[in-house]
């Protein structure tokens, strides 16, 4: 009896628009700078939130809000570069 991994099986469901195999949901044609900006943005966002929480717990209210504010430029840069590259991976 041959073993069959999860990746070899077809995805079944009631949604007719959903892809029938896992091969159909792979992202294609994403520029390298978009991938690098995603990684950088996620690291910056997590660092900003973590630092903000630590400062808030330590009692530094104003500094924690400044740290929380650095979350938004990171997500805006990621959104801008994805919009510029016209990344539509759901096609």
N, C-alpha and C. Protein backbone atom coordinates (compact mmCIF):
# COMPACT_ATOMS: atom_id res chain seq x y z
N UNK A 1 0.84 -1.18 0.00
CA UNK A 1 0.00 0.00 0.00
C UNK A 1 0.89 1.25 0.00
N UNK A 2 0.69 2.10 -0.98
CA UNK A 2 1.52 3.29 -1.11
C UNK A 2 1.03 4.37 -0.16
N UNK A 3 1.98 5.09 0.42
CA UNK A 3 1.61 6.17 1.33
C UNK A 3 1.22 7.40 0.52
N UNK A 4 0.26 8.12 1.03
CA UNK A 4 -0.21 9.33 0.37
C UNK A 4 -0.14 10.47 1.39
N UNK A 5 0.64 11.49 1.09
CA UNK A 5 0.74 12.60 2.03
C UNK A 5 -0.41 13.57 1.82
N UNK A 6 -0.51 14.51 2.72
CA UNK A 6 -1.56 15.52 2.64
C UNK A 6 -1.40 16.34 1.36
N UNK A 7 -0.17 16.57 0.93
CA UNK A 7 0.08 17.41 -0.24
C UNK A 7 -0.29 16.72 -1.54
N UNK A 8 -0.42 15.40 -1.53
CA UNK A 8 -0.78 14.68 -2.73
C UNK A 8 -2.29 14.59 -2.93
N UNK A 9 -3.05 14.81 -1.89
CA UNK A 9 -4.50 14.67 -1.98
C UNK A 9 -5.14 15.90 -2.59
N UNK A 10 -6.27 15.73 -3.18
CA UNK A 10 -7.02 16.85 -3.72
C UNK A 10 -7.85 17.50 -2.62
N UNK A 11 -8.03 18.79 -2.77
CA UNK A 11 -8.85 19.53 -1.82
C UNK A 11 -10.28 19.47 -2.32
N UNK A 12 -11.18 18.97 -1.51
CA UNK A 12 -12.57 18.88 -1.93
C UNK A 12 -13.42 19.73 -1.01
N UNK A 13 -14.51 20.22 -1.54
CA UNK A 13 -15.41 21.05 -0.74
C UNK A 13 -16.62 21.43 -1.55
N UNK A 14 -17.46 22.26 -0.95
CA UNK A 14 -18.69 22.64 -1.62
C UNK A 14 -18.55 23.93 -2.40
N UNK A 15 -17.42 24.61 -2.32
CA UNK A 15 -17.22 25.87 -3.02
C UNK A 15 -16.75 25.59 -4.44
N UNK A 16 -17.57 25.93 -5.46
CA UNK A 16 -17.16 25.63 -6.84
C UNK A 16 -16.05 26.54 -7.34
N UNK A 17 -15.83 27.68 -6.69
CA UNK A 17 -14.80 28.62 -7.12
C UNK A 17 -13.43 28.22 -6.56
N UNK A 18 -13.41 27.44 -5.50
CA UNK A 18 -12.17 27.06 -4.84
C UNK A 18 -11.35 26.14 -5.76
N UNK A 19 -10.04 26.24 -5.68
CA UNK A 19 -9.21 25.35 -6.50
C UNK A 19 -9.38 23.90 -6.07
N UNK A 20 -9.22 23.00 -7.01
CA UNK A 20 -9.44 21.58 -6.71
C UNK A 20 -8.19 20.90 -6.21
N UNK A 21 -7.03 21.50 -6.39
CA UNK A 21 -5.80 20.93 -5.86
C UNK A 21 -5.01 22.01 -5.14
N UNK A 22 -4.08 21.58 -4.32
CA UNK A 22 -3.22 22.55 -3.62
C UNK A 22 -2.31 23.28 -4.59
N UNK A 23 -2.06 22.69 -5.75
CA UNK A 23 -1.22 23.33 -6.75
C UNK A 23 -1.87 24.62 -7.24
N UNK A 24 -3.18 24.71 -7.20
CA UNK A 24 -3.88 25.88 -7.69
C UNK A 24 -3.85 27.07 -6.76
N UNK A 25 -3.42 26.92 -5.53
CA UNK A 25 -3.41 28.05 -4.60
C UNK A 25 -2.01 28.60 -4.35
N UNK A 26 -1.03 28.19 -5.11
CA UNK A 26 0.32 28.72 -4.96
C UNK A 26 0.39 30.13 -5.52
N UNK A 27 1.14 31.00 -4.85
CA UNK A 27 1.33 32.35 -5.34
C UNK A 27 2.33 32.33 -6.50
N UNK A 28 2.03 33.12 -7.51
CA UNK A 28 2.90 33.16 -8.69
C UNK A 28 3.20 34.60 -9.04
N UNK A 29 4.35 34.82 -9.64
CA UNK A 29 4.74 36.11 -10.18
C UNK A 29 4.76 37.23 -9.15
N UNK A 30 5.30 36.97 -8.00
CA UNK A 30 5.46 38.01 -6.99
C UNK A 30 6.91 38.48 -7.03
N UNK A 31 7.12 39.78 -7.26
CA UNK A 31 8.49 40.29 -7.32
C UNK A 31 9.24 40.10 -6.00
N UNK A 32 10.54 40.00 -6.10
CA UNK A 32 11.38 39.75 -4.93
C UNK A 32 11.29 40.89 -3.92
N UNK A 33 11.20 42.13 -4.40
CA UNK A 33 11.15 43.25 -3.45
C UNK A 33 9.85 43.25 -2.63
N UNK A 34 8.78 42.67 -3.17
CA UNK A 34 7.54 42.57 -2.41
C UNK A 34 7.71 41.56 -1.28
N UNK A 35 8.35 40.44 -1.58
CA UNK A 35 8.59 39.44 -0.54
C UNK A 35 9.50 39.97 0.56
N UNK A 36 10.55 40.68 0.15
CA UNK A 36 11.47 41.25 1.14
C UNK A 36 10.76 42.32 1.97
N UNK A 37 9.92 43.14 1.32
CA UNK A 37 9.20 44.17 2.09
C UNK A 37 8.19 43.55 3.05
N UNK A 38 7.58 42.43 2.67
CA UNK A 38 6.67 41.73 3.59
C UNK A 38 7.40 41.25 4.83
N UNK A 39 8.55 40.61 4.62
CA UNK A 39 9.34 40.11 5.74
C UNK A 39 9.78 41.26 6.64
N UNK A 40 10.29 42.33 6.04
CA UNK A 40 10.75 43.49 6.80
C UNK A 40 9.59 44.14 7.56
N UNK A 41 8.44 44.26 6.91
CA UNK A 41 7.28 44.90 7.55
C UNK A 41 6.77 44.07 8.71
N UNK A 42 6.73 42.76 8.56
CA UNK A 42 6.25 41.91 9.65
C UNK A 42 7.20 41.98 10.85
N UNK A 43 8.50 41.99 10.58
CA UNK A 43 9.48 42.11 11.66
C UNK A 43 9.33 43.46 12.37
N UNK A 44 9.19 44.54 11.60
CA UNK A 44 9.03 45.87 12.18
C UNK A 44 7.74 45.99 12.98
N UNK A 45 6.65 45.44 12.43
CA UNK A 45 5.38 45.52 13.15
C UNK A 45 5.43 44.75 14.46
N UNK A 46 5.99 43.56 14.43
CA UNK A 46 6.05 42.78 15.66
C UNK A 46 6.97 43.43 16.69
N UNK A 47 8.08 44.00 16.23
CA UNK A 47 8.99 44.69 17.15
C UNK A 47 8.32 45.91 17.76
N UNK A 48 7.59 46.67 16.94
CA UNK A 48 6.92 47.87 17.44
C UNK A 48 5.86 47.52 18.48
N UNK A 49 5.08 46.50 18.21
CA UNK A 49 4.04 46.10 19.16
C UNK A 49 4.65 45.55 20.45
N UNK A 50 5.68 44.71 20.31
CA UNK A 50 6.33 44.14 21.50
C UNK A 50 6.97 45.23 22.36
N UNK A 51 7.67 46.15 21.72
CA UNK A 51 8.29 47.24 22.47
C UNK A 51 7.23 48.13 23.12
N UNK A 52 6.14 48.37 22.41
CA UNK A 52 5.07 49.18 22.98
C UNK A 52 4.44 48.52 24.20
N UNK A 53 4.25 47.21 24.13
CA UNK A 53 3.67 46.50 25.28
C UNK A 53 4.63 46.52 26.47
N UNK A 54 5.91 46.30 26.20
CA UNK A 54 6.90 46.31 27.28
C UNK A 54 6.96 47.69 27.94
N UNK A 55 6.99 48.74 27.12
CA UNK A 55 7.03 50.09 27.67
C UNK A 55 5.75 50.43 28.42
N UNK A 56 4.62 49.95 27.91
CA UNK A 56 3.36 50.20 28.60
C UNK A 56 3.31 49.51 29.95
N UNK A 57 3.80 48.30 30.01
CA UNK A 57 3.85 47.58 31.29
C UNK A 57 4.85 48.20 32.26
N UNK A 58 5.89 48.83 31.71
CA UNK A 58 6.88 49.46 32.58
C UNK A 58 6.42 50.83 33.08
N UNK A 59 5.33 51.33 32.51
CA UNK A 59 4.81 52.60 32.99
C UNK A 59 5.17 53.79 32.12
N UNK A 60 5.82 53.57 31.02
CA UNK A 60 6.19 54.65 30.11
C UNK A 60 5.09 54.81 29.06
N UNK A 61 4.06 55.55 29.40
CA UNK A 61 2.86 55.65 28.56
C UNK A 61 3.16 56.35 27.24
N UNK A 62 3.77 57.52 27.29
CA UNK A 62 4.03 58.29 26.07
C UNK A 62 4.98 57.54 25.13
N UNK A 63 6.03 56.96 25.69
CA UNK A 63 6.98 56.21 24.86
C UNK A 63 6.32 54.97 24.24
N UNK A 64 5.40 54.37 24.96
CA UNK A 64 4.73 53.19 24.40
C UNK A 64 3.84 53.59 23.24
N UNK A 65 3.19 54.75 23.30
CA UNK A 65 2.37 55.19 22.17
C UNK A 65 3.22 55.52 20.95
N UNK A 66 4.42 56.04 21.19
CA UNK A 66 5.34 56.29 20.08
C UNK A 66 5.76 54.96 19.45
N UNK A 67 6.03 53.96 20.26
CA UNK A 67 6.39 52.64 19.74
C UNK A 67 5.23 52.02 18.98
N UNK A 68 4.01 52.15 19.52
CA UNK A 68 2.83 51.65 18.81
C UNK A 68 2.63 52.37 17.48
N UNK A 69 2.99 53.64 17.42
CA UNK A 69 2.81 54.43 16.20
C UNK A 69 3.71 53.93 15.07
N UNK A 70 4.83 53.31 15.40
CA UNK A 70 5.72 52.79 14.36
C UNK A 70 5.16 51.55 13.67
N UNK A 71 4.04 51.04 14.16
CA UNK A 71 3.36 49.93 13.49
C UNK A 71 2.79 50.37 12.15
N UNK A 72 2.24 51.57 12.10
CA UNK A 72 1.51 52.01 10.92
C UNK A 72 2.40 52.29 9.70
N UNK A 73 3.59 52.91 9.84
CA UNK A 73 4.43 53.07 8.65
C UNK A 73 4.84 51.73 8.03
N UNK A 74 5.06 50.73 8.88
CA UNK A 74 5.48 49.43 8.35
C UNK A 74 4.36 48.80 7.52
N UNK A 75 3.14 48.85 8.01
CA UNK A 75 2.04 48.25 7.25
C UNK A 75 1.71 49.08 6.01
N UNK A 76 1.89 50.39 6.08
CA UNK A 76 1.63 51.23 4.92
C UNK A 76 2.67 51.02 3.83
N UNK A 77 3.92 50.82 4.20
CA UNK A 77 4.96 50.54 3.21
C UNK A 77 4.67 49.21 2.51
N UNK A 78 4.28 48.21 3.28
CA UNK A 78 3.96 46.91 2.69
C UNK A 78 2.76 47.03 1.75
N UNK A 79 1.72 47.73 2.15
CA UNK A 79 0.53 47.89 1.31
C UNK A 79 0.86 48.68 0.05
N UNK A 80 1.68 49.72 0.18
CA UNK A 80 2.06 50.53 -0.98
C UNK A 80 2.84 49.71 -1.99
N UNK A 81 3.81 48.94 -1.53
CA UNK A 81 4.62 48.16 -2.47
C UNK A 81 3.83 47.04 -3.12
N UNK A 82 2.89 46.44 -2.39
CA UNK A 82 2.05 45.42 -3.00
C UNK A 82 1.11 46.03 -4.03
N UNK A 83 0.62 47.23 -3.74
CA UNK A 83 -0.25 47.92 -4.70
C UNK A 83 0.55 48.31 -5.94
N UNK A 84 1.78 48.79 -5.72
CA UNK A 84 2.63 49.20 -6.84
C UNK A 84 2.99 48.02 -7.73
N UNK A 85 3.22 46.86 -7.12
CA UNK A 85 3.57 45.68 -7.89
C UNK A 85 2.35 45.00 -8.48
N UNK A 86 1.15 45.44 -8.10
CA UNK A 86 -0.10 44.87 -8.58
C UNK A 86 -0.15 43.37 -8.31
N UNK A 87 0.08 43.03 -7.04
CA UNK A 87 0.07 41.64 -6.63
C UNK A 87 -1.36 41.19 -6.44
N UNK A 88 -1.81 40.32 -7.30
CA UNK A 88 -3.14 39.74 -7.18
C UNK A 88 -2.96 38.23 -7.27
N UNK A 89 -2.66 37.61 -6.13
CA UNK A 89 -2.29 36.19 -6.13
C UNK A 89 -3.50 35.28 -6.10
N UNK A 90 -4.70 35.85 -6.10
CA UNK A 90 -5.90 35.01 -6.07
C UNK A 90 -6.43 34.68 -7.46
N UNK A 91 -5.76 35.12 -8.50
CA UNK A 91 -6.21 34.82 -9.85
C UNK A 91 -5.89 33.40 -10.24
